[in-house]
Structures are given as C-alpha cells and as structure tokens.
Amino acid sequence: MSSQHQQQFLQAMVGHWESLIRDLAKQPLSIDQFLDRANIRRISYGHYHTLSTQQVLTLMKLSMERLNIDGIGLRIASRLTIEDTGALGFAMLGCKTLKQLLETIIHIPWMTSGYVDIRIAYDKDYAYITAEDRSAFWTPQPYTIEDSIGHYYLGIKKLLGEQFDQSKMLIQLNYPAPTYKHLYLQMLGTMPTFNASSNQIRLPIEWIEMPISGNESLVAKIAAKHSAEINQEARSTIRDQIRMRLYAQLASGVPTMEQMARTLNTTSRTMRRRLAEEGKTYKQLVLEVRMQMASEYLLNTSLTISDIAALLDYHSAPPFIRAFTQHHQCSPAKFKNRQKKAQL
C-alpha cells in the first residue's frame, strides 16, 4: 500500500516540476533532456513510469545545477496540494482538527519514506513538526527540507483559514540563510530563523484542537450512523465495538486480531469466542466494514479504484475488485453505475 501512495506523491512532484520549468523558462526549453538524465520516462504530461525518490532528487539537482533555479524546494512546495498525496490526502481532508491531521501523518509515514523523516511532538505550550533529511543525496540547495517544511507550513495555513495567525508560527532551519532567502518570504509569507539546531515548525498548542474543515469525512458520517444504530439497541456488542475501531483505522492498516483485542482490553481468544457467540468472525467484520466504506467512497467521491483500494488497506486494486465483486455480485464500476441509474 505504501509504495502505491508514494508513487502518487512522486508523480505529482514531477508534474509540478514540469509546470514550474515551463513557467520559469525565458526561452523554449527541452524538458525531456532533464527527464532522460534522471532516467524518468513520461507516459503523458503529469504521468510517468514508476518513479523512485532517487530519480526525483536527481531531477531537482539537475534543475539547480543546469538551470540555476533558486529555491526549487520552496517553489514545488507552493504548488503541491494535500490532494497530491492521494488517498492519504483524502483521509487528511476528512480530519476535523489539526491534531487528528498530525496524528494521521504520524501513523501513515509512507509519504516521505526514504526522503525526509517527519516527527511530531507536543509540550504544554507548543506543537512541533520536525524534519530531518534522510535522502543521503547531496544537492546544491536544501531541497528536501525546503519542500517538506514548506508543504506542511502552507498546508496548515490553508486548512486553518482565517484562524491562522502567522505571527504565532515559527519556522527554524538548521542551515545558513541562502542567497535567495527573499523567496522564503515570497513563498511562505514569513522569514524563518536560520542556523537553528533543527528544521522545525512550531505552533501554539491550542491550535491543535482548532477545526480544519467544515465538512465531515465519510468515515465520520458512517461511524456516527452506526453509533446511532448502536444507541437504539439495549447494549453495545463486541462486533459493534470492533466496527467502530475499524472505521478509524482502515486507512493506516487493518489491525490484526491480537492488536484489536489489545485495544479492547481483552485477549484474542476471548474476542474470538465472544464473536462466535454473536455468529461472527473477525475476518467477516473486516470485510463488512471494508465493503461498507467502499460503497460510500464509490457513491460519494471521485476517488479512483486504486485510491479506494489503498484507503481500505488492499495492496493494489485487483484484490479489492475481486473482494468487492464477490461480496456485491458485481464489479465496483457496475455497482456505481447501477446506483446512479437508480437515483435518476
């Protein structure tokens, strides 16, 4: 699942790179020569054969050395959107508070794997987002840090909207101010502190409970609906408790039976026995929740089949399609078309 998510992010980065180079070029420029040197093969604009972090960093390094583009990390960060992170972006947009979003980032670290290490920490006054370069790849500019710090800073700024107060945010970077430091002010709207001990964004601790979206995620809606159904019953069964936890955890991976049992403060043996008494197995519950979520995603979003498969913790689209078809007796595409026709 992680490689599929990361591919979408890397593809978006190269696509934004192409757009950026075209915008900055003062005369016609052959972009293909840079893609070739980085061993990147274009299928169509914005779509490429499988990419690696090394290829993307090579492309950025070539841009710095041969095109003399300053602050390319900042420029790419200003163009990236949360949606560029694919299914994770959808999960992030579904978060209600900044804290939920930060915890989503912690639990799904695939996006920056092999690229930069992101850590989240809190104390009584502040929340901290720290970035450490893990690429082991030298570039003339601190590309990985500029891109990641810029992306997170601008993402928080966008999600908080009018609640965002720039004077209360602090960016610290552990390298000297570059010759193009004016771009930080231009791209981010603020000037970082350079030569600091770490690369870090600091924000007030009270911000983490601020709402970041006026729209409830589908997961939250389904969970709320299921919770209401539970409340109408005399008691909450163990299968209900498991379903509620699965709604929240699917995007970061299906927990094993042992992991789920621990969250319920019981043993896997006891959980299996109690489920059997209710006529269910853990495997059946996982499938039911996956299929319920799949139906909601198909009918209420524009997510691709691959994105939905990833959100439901399938390693690729084919096994998801097989499971869906067996469960609903029709493919995801036919299911979506039938439901649309029924609503006409």
Protein backbone atom coordinates (compact mmCIF):
# COMPACT_ATOMS: atom_id res chain seq x y z
CA MET A 1 0.00 0.00 0.00
CA SER A 2 2.75 2.45 0.90
CA SER A 3 4.51 2.24 -2.49
CA GLN A 4 1.23 3.00 -4.27
CA HIS A 5 0.61 6.07 -2.12
CA GLN A 6 4.19 7.26 -2.51
CA GLN A 7 4.01 6.84 -6.28
CA GLN A 8 1.13 9.30 -6.49
CA PHE A 9 3.09 11.83 -4.46
CA LEU A 10 6.26 11.43 -6.54
CA GLN A 11 4.24 11.64 -9.76
CA ALA A 12 2.67 14.90 -8.53
CA MET A 13 6.10 16.33 -7.69
CA VAL A 14 7.48 15.66 -11.16
CA GLY A 15 4.30 17.01 -12.75
CA HIS A 16 4.61 20.24 -10.76
CA TRP A 17 8.30 20.37 -11.70
CA GLU A 18 7.41 20.28 -15.40
CA SER A 19 4.86 23.07 -14.92
CA LEU A 20 7.35 25.13 -12.92
CA ILE A 21 10.13 24.82 -15.50
CA ARG A 22 7.80 25.84 -18.30
CA ASP A 23 6.65 28.87 -16.32
CA LEU A 24 10.21 29.98 -15.49
CA ALA A 25 11.83 29.31 -18.87
CA LYS A 26 12.68 32.58 -20.62
CA GLN A 27 13.01 30.75 -23.92
CA PRO A 28 11.85 27.41 -25.35
CA LEU A 29 13.44 24.59 -23.34
CA SER A 30 13.65 20.85 -23.96
CA ILE A 31 12.38 19.35 -20.71
CA ASP A 32 12.84 15.80 -21.99
CA GLN A 33 16.63 16.07 -21.70
CA PHE A 34 16.33 16.53 -17.93
CA LEU A 35 13.85 13.67 -17.58
CA ASP A 36 16.18 11.44 -19.62
CA ARG A 37 19.20 12.26 -17.45
CA ALA A 38 17.16 11.40 -14.35
CA ASN A 39 16.03 8.18 -16.09
CA ILE A 40 12.39 9.28 -15.89
CA ARG A 41 10.08 8.10 -18.67
CA ARG A 42 6.97 10.17 -19.37
CA ILE A 43 3.74 8.44 -20.37
CA SER A 44 1.89 11.73 -20.75
CA TYR A 45 2.11 15.12 -19.07
CA GLY A 46 1.91 14.52 -15.32
CA HIS A 47 2.09 10.73 -15.74
CA TYR A 48 5.34 8.74 -15.65
CA HIS A 49 6.59 5.19 -15.40
CA THR A 50 7.26 4.06 -11.82
CA LEU A 51 9.37 6.65 -10.01
CA SER A 52 11.90 6.40 -7.20
CA THR A 53 12.91 9.06 -4.69
CA GLN A 54 16.43 8.93 -6.17
CA GLN A 55 15.12 9.80 -9.64
CA VAL A 56 13.11 12.76 -8.34
CA LEU A 57 16.06 14.12 -6.34
CA THR A 58 18.34 13.70 -9.36
CA LEU A 59 15.86 15.72 -11.43
CA MET A 60 15.78 18.50 -8.84
CA LYS A 61 19.58 18.56 -8.59
CA LEU A 62 19.89 18.89 -12.38
CA SER A 63 17.45 21.80 -12.26
CA MET A 64 19.57 23.60 -9.68
CA GLU A 65 22.88 23.00 -11.44
CA ARG A 66 21.93 23.46 -15.09
CA LEU A 67 19.03 25.88 -14.91
CA ASN A 68 20.20 27.85 -11.86
CA ILE A 69 16.72 27.82 -10.34
CA ASP A 70 16.80 29.15 -6.78
CA GLY A 71 14.57 27.75 -4.05
CA ILE A 72 13.16 24.93 -6.16
CA GLY A 73 12.01 23.13 -3.00
CA LEU A 74 10.00 26.18 -1.95
CA ARG A 75 8.58 26.59 -5.42
CA ILE A 76 7.45 22.96 -5.62
CA ALA A 77 6.01 23.13 -2.07
CA SER A 78 3.91 26.16 -3.00
CA ARG A 79 2.31 24.17 -5.84
CA LEU A 80 1.69 20.88 -4.03
CA THR A 81 -1.76 20.27 -2.58
CA ILE A 82 -2.96 17.86 0.07
CA GLU A 83 -4.83 16.04 -2.69
CA ASP A 84 -1.47 15.31 -4.35
CA THR A 85 -0.83 12.77 -1.58
CA GLY A 86 -3.63 10.61 -2.95
CA ALA A 87 -5.69 8.51 -0.59
CA LEU A 88 -3.79 9.84 2.43
CA GLY A 89 -4.74 13.36 1.34
CA PHE A 90 -8.39 12.30 1.28
CA ALA A 91 -8.02 10.88 4.79
CA MET A 92 -6.30 14.09 5.93
CA LEU A 93 -9.05 16.26 4.47
CA GLY A 94 -11.51 14.17 6.45
CA CYS A 95 -9.85 15.13 9.74
CA LYS A 96 -11.82 17.54 11.88
CA THR A 97 -8.99 19.05 13.91
CA LEU A 98 -5.34 19.83 13.36
CA LYS A 99 -4.44 17.21 15.99
CA GLN A 100 -6.25 14.50 14.03
CA LEU A 101 -4.37 15.54 10.91
CA LEU A 102 -0.98 15.45 12.67
CA GLU A 103 -1.74 12.02 14.11
CA THR A 104 -2.73 10.81 10.63
CA ILE A 105 0.69 11.92 9.41
CA ILE A 106 2.39 10.06 12.26
CA HIS A 107 0.54 6.80 11.64
CA ILE A 108 1.00 6.83 7.87
CA PRO A 109 4.65 7.80 7.30
CA TRP A 110 4.89 6.36 3.76
CA MET A 111 4.74 9.73 2.01
CA THR A 112 8.25 10.83 2.99
CA SER A 113 9.84 7.40 3.44
CA GLY A 114 13.43 7.45 2.17
CA TYR A 115 13.13 11.18 1.61
CA VAL A 116 12.75 13.02 4.89
CA ASP A 117 11.90 11.94 8.43
CA ILE A 118 8.93 13.85 9.91
CA ARG A 119 8.35 13.84 13.67
CA ILE A 120 5.51 15.38 15.65
CA ALA A 121 5.91 16.37 19.32
CA TYR A 122 4.00 18.37 21.92
CA ASP A 123 4.69 20.15 25.18
CA LYS A 124 2.39 22.28 27.33
CA ASP A 125 2.85 25.36 25.13
CA TYR A 126 3.60 24.22 21.58
CA ALA A 127 3.26 21.55 18.92
CA TYR A 128 6.36 20.84 16.83
CA ILE A 129 6.81 19.40 13.33
CA THR A 130 10.45 18.46 12.83
CA ALA A 131 12.03 17.41 9.54
CA GLU A 132 15.33 15.59 9.09
CA ASP A 133 16.85 14.85 5.70
CA ARG A 134 17.07 11.07 5.13
CA SER A 135 17.86 11.10 1.43
CA ALA A 136 21.68 10.72 1.73
CA PHE A 137 21.74 12.64 -1.52
CA TRP A 138 23.63 15.92 -1.78
CA THR A 139 22.03 18.82 -3.65
CA PRO A 140 23.30 22.41 -4.02
CA GLN A 141 20.20 23.58 -2.12
CA PRO A 142 18.44 22.04 0.92
CA TYR A 143 15.69 20.77 -1.36
CA THR A 144 14.19 18.04 0.84
CA ILE A 145 13.83 20.34 3.85
CA GLU A 146 12.54 23.33 1.89
CA ASP A 147 9.96 21.14 0.18
CA SER A 148 8.72 19.30 3.30
CA ILE A 149 8.74 22.26 5.71
CA GLY A 150 7.15 24.47 3.06
CA HIS A 151 4.49 21.87 2.25
CA TYR A 152 3.48 21.37 5.90
CA TYR A 153 3.54 25.08 6.73
CA LEU A 154 1.42 26.06 3.74
CA GLY A 155 -0.91 23.10 4.32
CA ILE A 156 -1.60 24.19 7.90
CA LYS A 157 -2.10 27.75 6.74
CA LYS A 158 -4.66 26.66 4.15
CA LEU A 159 -6.55 24.28 6.44
CA LEU A 160 -6.85 26.74 9.32
CA GLY A 161 -8.01 29.54 7.02
CA GLU A 162 -9.00 32.67 8.92
CA GLN A 163 -7.94 31.07 12.20
CA PHE A 164 -4.31 31.10 11.06
CA ASP A 165 -2.15 33.76 12.75
CA GLN A 166 1.23 33.99 11.08
CA SER A 167 2.77 35.90 14.00
CA LYS A 168 2.28 32.85 16.25
CA MET A 169 4.07 30.41 13.91
CA LEU A 170 7.82 29.92 13.90
CA ILE A 171 9.98 28.20 11.29
CA GLN A 172 13.55 27.25 12.26
CA LEU A 173 16.10 25.84 9.80
CA ASN A 174 19.48 24.31 10.63
CA TYR A 175 21.38 25.74 7.66
CA PRO A 176 22.68 29.24 6.81
CA ALA A 177 20.41 31.70 5.02
CA PRO A 178 20.74 31.05 1.26
CA THR A 179 21.33 33.82 -1.25
CA TYR A 180 17.68 33.55 -2.27
CA LYS A 181 16.27 33.92 1.25
CA HIS A 182 13.81 36.54 -0.05
CA LEU A 183 11.93 33.62 -1.65
CA TYR A 184 11.01 32.30 1.80
CA LEU A 185 9.12 35.50 2.48
CA GLN A 186 7.64 35.45 -1.01
CA MET A 187 6.55 31.79 -0.98
CA LEU A 188 5.72 31.27 2.70
CA GLY A 189 4.81 34.78 3.78
CA THR A 190 7.30 34.62 6.66
CA MET A 191 11.07 34.64 7.18
CA PRO A 192 12.49 31.61 9.02
CA THR A 193 15.24 31.66 11.64
CA PHE A 194 18.39 30.19 10.09
CA ASN A 195 21.34 28.37 11.70
CA ALA A 196 18.97 26.80 14.23
CA SER A 197 19.56 23.43 15.93
CA SER A 198 16.88 21.68 13.86
CA ASN A 199 14.44 22.07 10.97
CA GLN A 200 11.17 22.73 12.70
CA ILE A 201 7.74 24.34 12.55
CA ARG A 202 6.40 25.48 15.93
CA LEU A 203 2.76 26.35 16.53
CA PRO A 204 0.69 27.13 19.65
CA ILE A 205 -0.59 24.03 21.41
CA GLU A 206 -4.14 25.43 21.49
CA TRP A 207 -4.23 25.34 17.70
CA ILE A 208 -4.27 21.54 17.55
CA GLU A 209 -7.92 21.42 18.64
CA MET A 210 -8.99 24.00 16.05
CA PRO A 211 -11.41 22.74 13.37
CA ILE A 212 -9.76 22.45 9.97
CA SER A 213 -12.72 21.55 7.80
CA GLY A 214 -16.41 22.33 7.78
CA ASN A 215 -17.17 19.02 6.09
CA GLU A 216 -17.38 15.75 7.98
CA SER A 217 -15.45 12.90 6.43
CA LEU A 218 -17.36 9.93 5.09
CA VAL A 219 -15.73 7.83 7.77
CA ALA A 220 -17.09 10.13 10.48
CA LYS A 221 -20.56 10.07 8.92
CA ILE A 222 -20.65 6.30 8.70
CA ALA A 223 -19.31 5.91 12.23
CA ALA A 224 -21.92 8.37 13.52
CA LYS A 225 -24.69 6.49 11.72
CA HIS A 226 -23.51 3.20 13.13
CA SER A 227 -23.20 4.72 16.61
CA ALA A 228 -26.82 5.90 16.41
CA GLU A 229 -27.91 2.38 15.50
CA ILE A 230 -25.99 1.03 18.48
CA ASN A 231 -27.67 3.53 20.80
CA GLN A 232 -31.07 2.23 19.72
CA GLU A 233 -30.12 -1.23 20.89
CA ALA A 234 -30.13 -2.38 24.51
CA ARG A 235 -26.35 -2.79 24.57
CA SER A 236 -23.22 -2.43 22.50
CA THR A 237 -21.94 -5.80 21.28
CA ILE A 238 -18.29 -6.64 20.75
CA ARG A 239 -18.83 -6.65 16.98
CA ASP A 240 -20.08 -3.04 17.25
CA GLN A 241 -17.00 -2.02 19.23
CA ILE A 242 -14.75 -3.64 16.65
CA ARG A 243 -16.55 -1.98 13.73
CA MET A 244 -16.16 1.47 15.30
CA ARG A 245 -12.43 0.95 15.68
CA LEU A 246 -12.07 -0.39 12.14
CA TYR A 247 -13.70 2.74 10.69
CA ALA A 248 -10.96 4.85 12.25
CA GLN A 249 -8.04 2.54 11.50
CA LEU A 250 -8.55 1.22 7.97
CA ALA A 251 -6.57 3.97 6.22
CA SER A 252 -3.50 3.18 8.34
CA GLY A 253 -3.87 -0.59 8.00
CA VAL A 254 -6.16 -3.37 9.17
CA PRO A 255 -5.13 -4.33 12.72
CA THR A 256 -4.50 -7.99 13.44
CA MET A 257 -6.89 -9.81 15.74
CA GLU A 258 -4.30 -9.60 18.51
CA GLN A 259 -3.90 -5.85 18.04
CA MET A 260 -7.66 -5.32 18.03
CA ALA A 261 -8.06 -7.44 21.17
CA ARG A 262 -5.50 -5.31 22.99
CA THR A 263 -7.41 -2.11 22.16
CA LEU A 264 -10.49 -3.75 23.70
CA ASN A 265 -8.50 -4.79 26.80
CA THR A 266 -9.10 -8.46 26.15
CA THR A 267 -7.32 -11.41 24.58
CA SER A 268 -7.66 -12.65 21.02
CA ARG A 269 -9.01 -15.97 22.36
CA THR A 270 -11.75 -14.22 24.34
CA MET A 271 -12.57 -11.90 21.47
CA ARG A 272 -12.86 -14.85 19.07
CA ARG A 273 -15.16 -16.69 21.50
CA ARG A 274 -17.41 -13.65 22.04
CA LEU A 275 -17.66 -13.04 18.30
CA ALA A 276 -18.57 -16.68 17.76
CA GLU A 277 -21.38 -16.27 20.27
CA GLU A 278 -22.69 -13.43 18.08
CA GLY A 279 -22.30 -15.52 14.93
CA LYS A 280 -19.38 -13.56 13.52
CA THR A 281 -15.65 -13.86 12.89
CA TYR A 282 -13.10 -11.06 12.90
CA LYS A 283 -12.39 -11.68 9.21
CA GLN A 284 -16.09 -11.24 8.39
CA LEU A 285 -16.25 -7.93 10.27
CA VAL A 286 -13.18 -6.58 8.47
CA LEU A 287 -14.74 -7.48 5.11
CA GLU A 288 -18.12 -5.96 6.05
CA VAL A 289 -16.55 -2.66 7.12
CA ARG A 290 -14.33 -2.57 4.03
CA MET A 291 -17.30 -3.16 1.73
CA GLN A 292 -19.44 -0.57 3.51
CA MET A 293 -16.69 2.00 3.21
CA ALA A 294 -16.09 1.03 -0.43
CA SER A 295 -19.74 1.65 -1.27
CA GLU A 296 -19.65 5.09 0.33
CA TYR A 297 -16.43 6.05 -1.45
CA LEU A 298 -17.77 4.88 -4.81
CA LEU A 299 -21.05 6.77 -4.50
CA ASN A 300 -19.91 9.95 -2.76
CA THR A 301 -16.40 10.71 -4.00
CA SER A 302 -14.42 10.92 -7.23
CA LEU A 303 -11.67 8.67 -5.85
CA THR A 304 -10.20 6.15 -8.27
CA ILE A 305 -10.50 2.40 -7.67
CA SER A 306 -6.80 2.36 -6.76
CA ASP A 307 -7.28 5.12 -4.19
CA ILE A 308 -10.25 3.33 -2.63
CA ALA A 309 -8.29 0.08 -2.50
CA ALA A 310 -5.43 1.86 -0.74
CA LEU A 311 -7.75 3.53 1.78
CA LEU A 312 -9.20 0.12 2.62
CA ASP A 313 -5.71 -1.40 3.07
CA TYR A 314 -5.61 -3.54 -0.07
CA HIS A 315 -2.09 -3.63 -1.51
CA SER A 316 -3.44 -2.98 -5.02
CA ALA A 317 -6.69 -2.60 -6.96
CA PRO A 318 -7.16 -6.20 -8.27
CA PRO A 319 -7.67 -7.90 -4.87
CA PHE A 320 -10.07 -5.13 -3.86
CA ILE A 321 -12.07 -5.57 -7.08
CA ARG A 322 -12.24 -9.34 -6.54
CA ALA A 323 -13.43 -8.94 -2.93
CA PHE A 324 -15.98 -6.29 -3.89
CA THR A 325 -17.32 -8.33 -6.82
CA GLN A 326 -17.68 -11.45 -4.69
CA HIS A 327 -19.42 -9.50 -1.91
CA HIS A 328 -21.79 -7.41 -4.07
CA GLN A 329 -22.11 -9.80 -7.04
CA CYS A 330 -20.97 -7.05 -9.39
CA SER A 331 -17.82 -5.03 -10.04
CA PRO A 332 -17.23 -1.62 -8.38
CA ALA A 333 -17.84 0.13 -11.72
CA LYS A 334 -21.16 -1.66 -12.30
CA PHE A 335 -22.21 -1.03 -8.69
CA LYS A 336 -21.58 2.70 -9.12
CA ASN A 337 -23.46 2.86 -12.43
CA ARG A 338 -26.44 0.92 -11.07
CA GLN A 339 -26.77 3.16 -8.05
CA LYS A 340 -26.56 6.28 -10.20
CA LYS A 341 -29.29 5.00 -12.52
CA ALA A 342 -31.46 4.11 -9.53
CA GLN A 343 -31.24 7.71 -8.32
CA LEU A 344 -32.46 9.15 -11.64
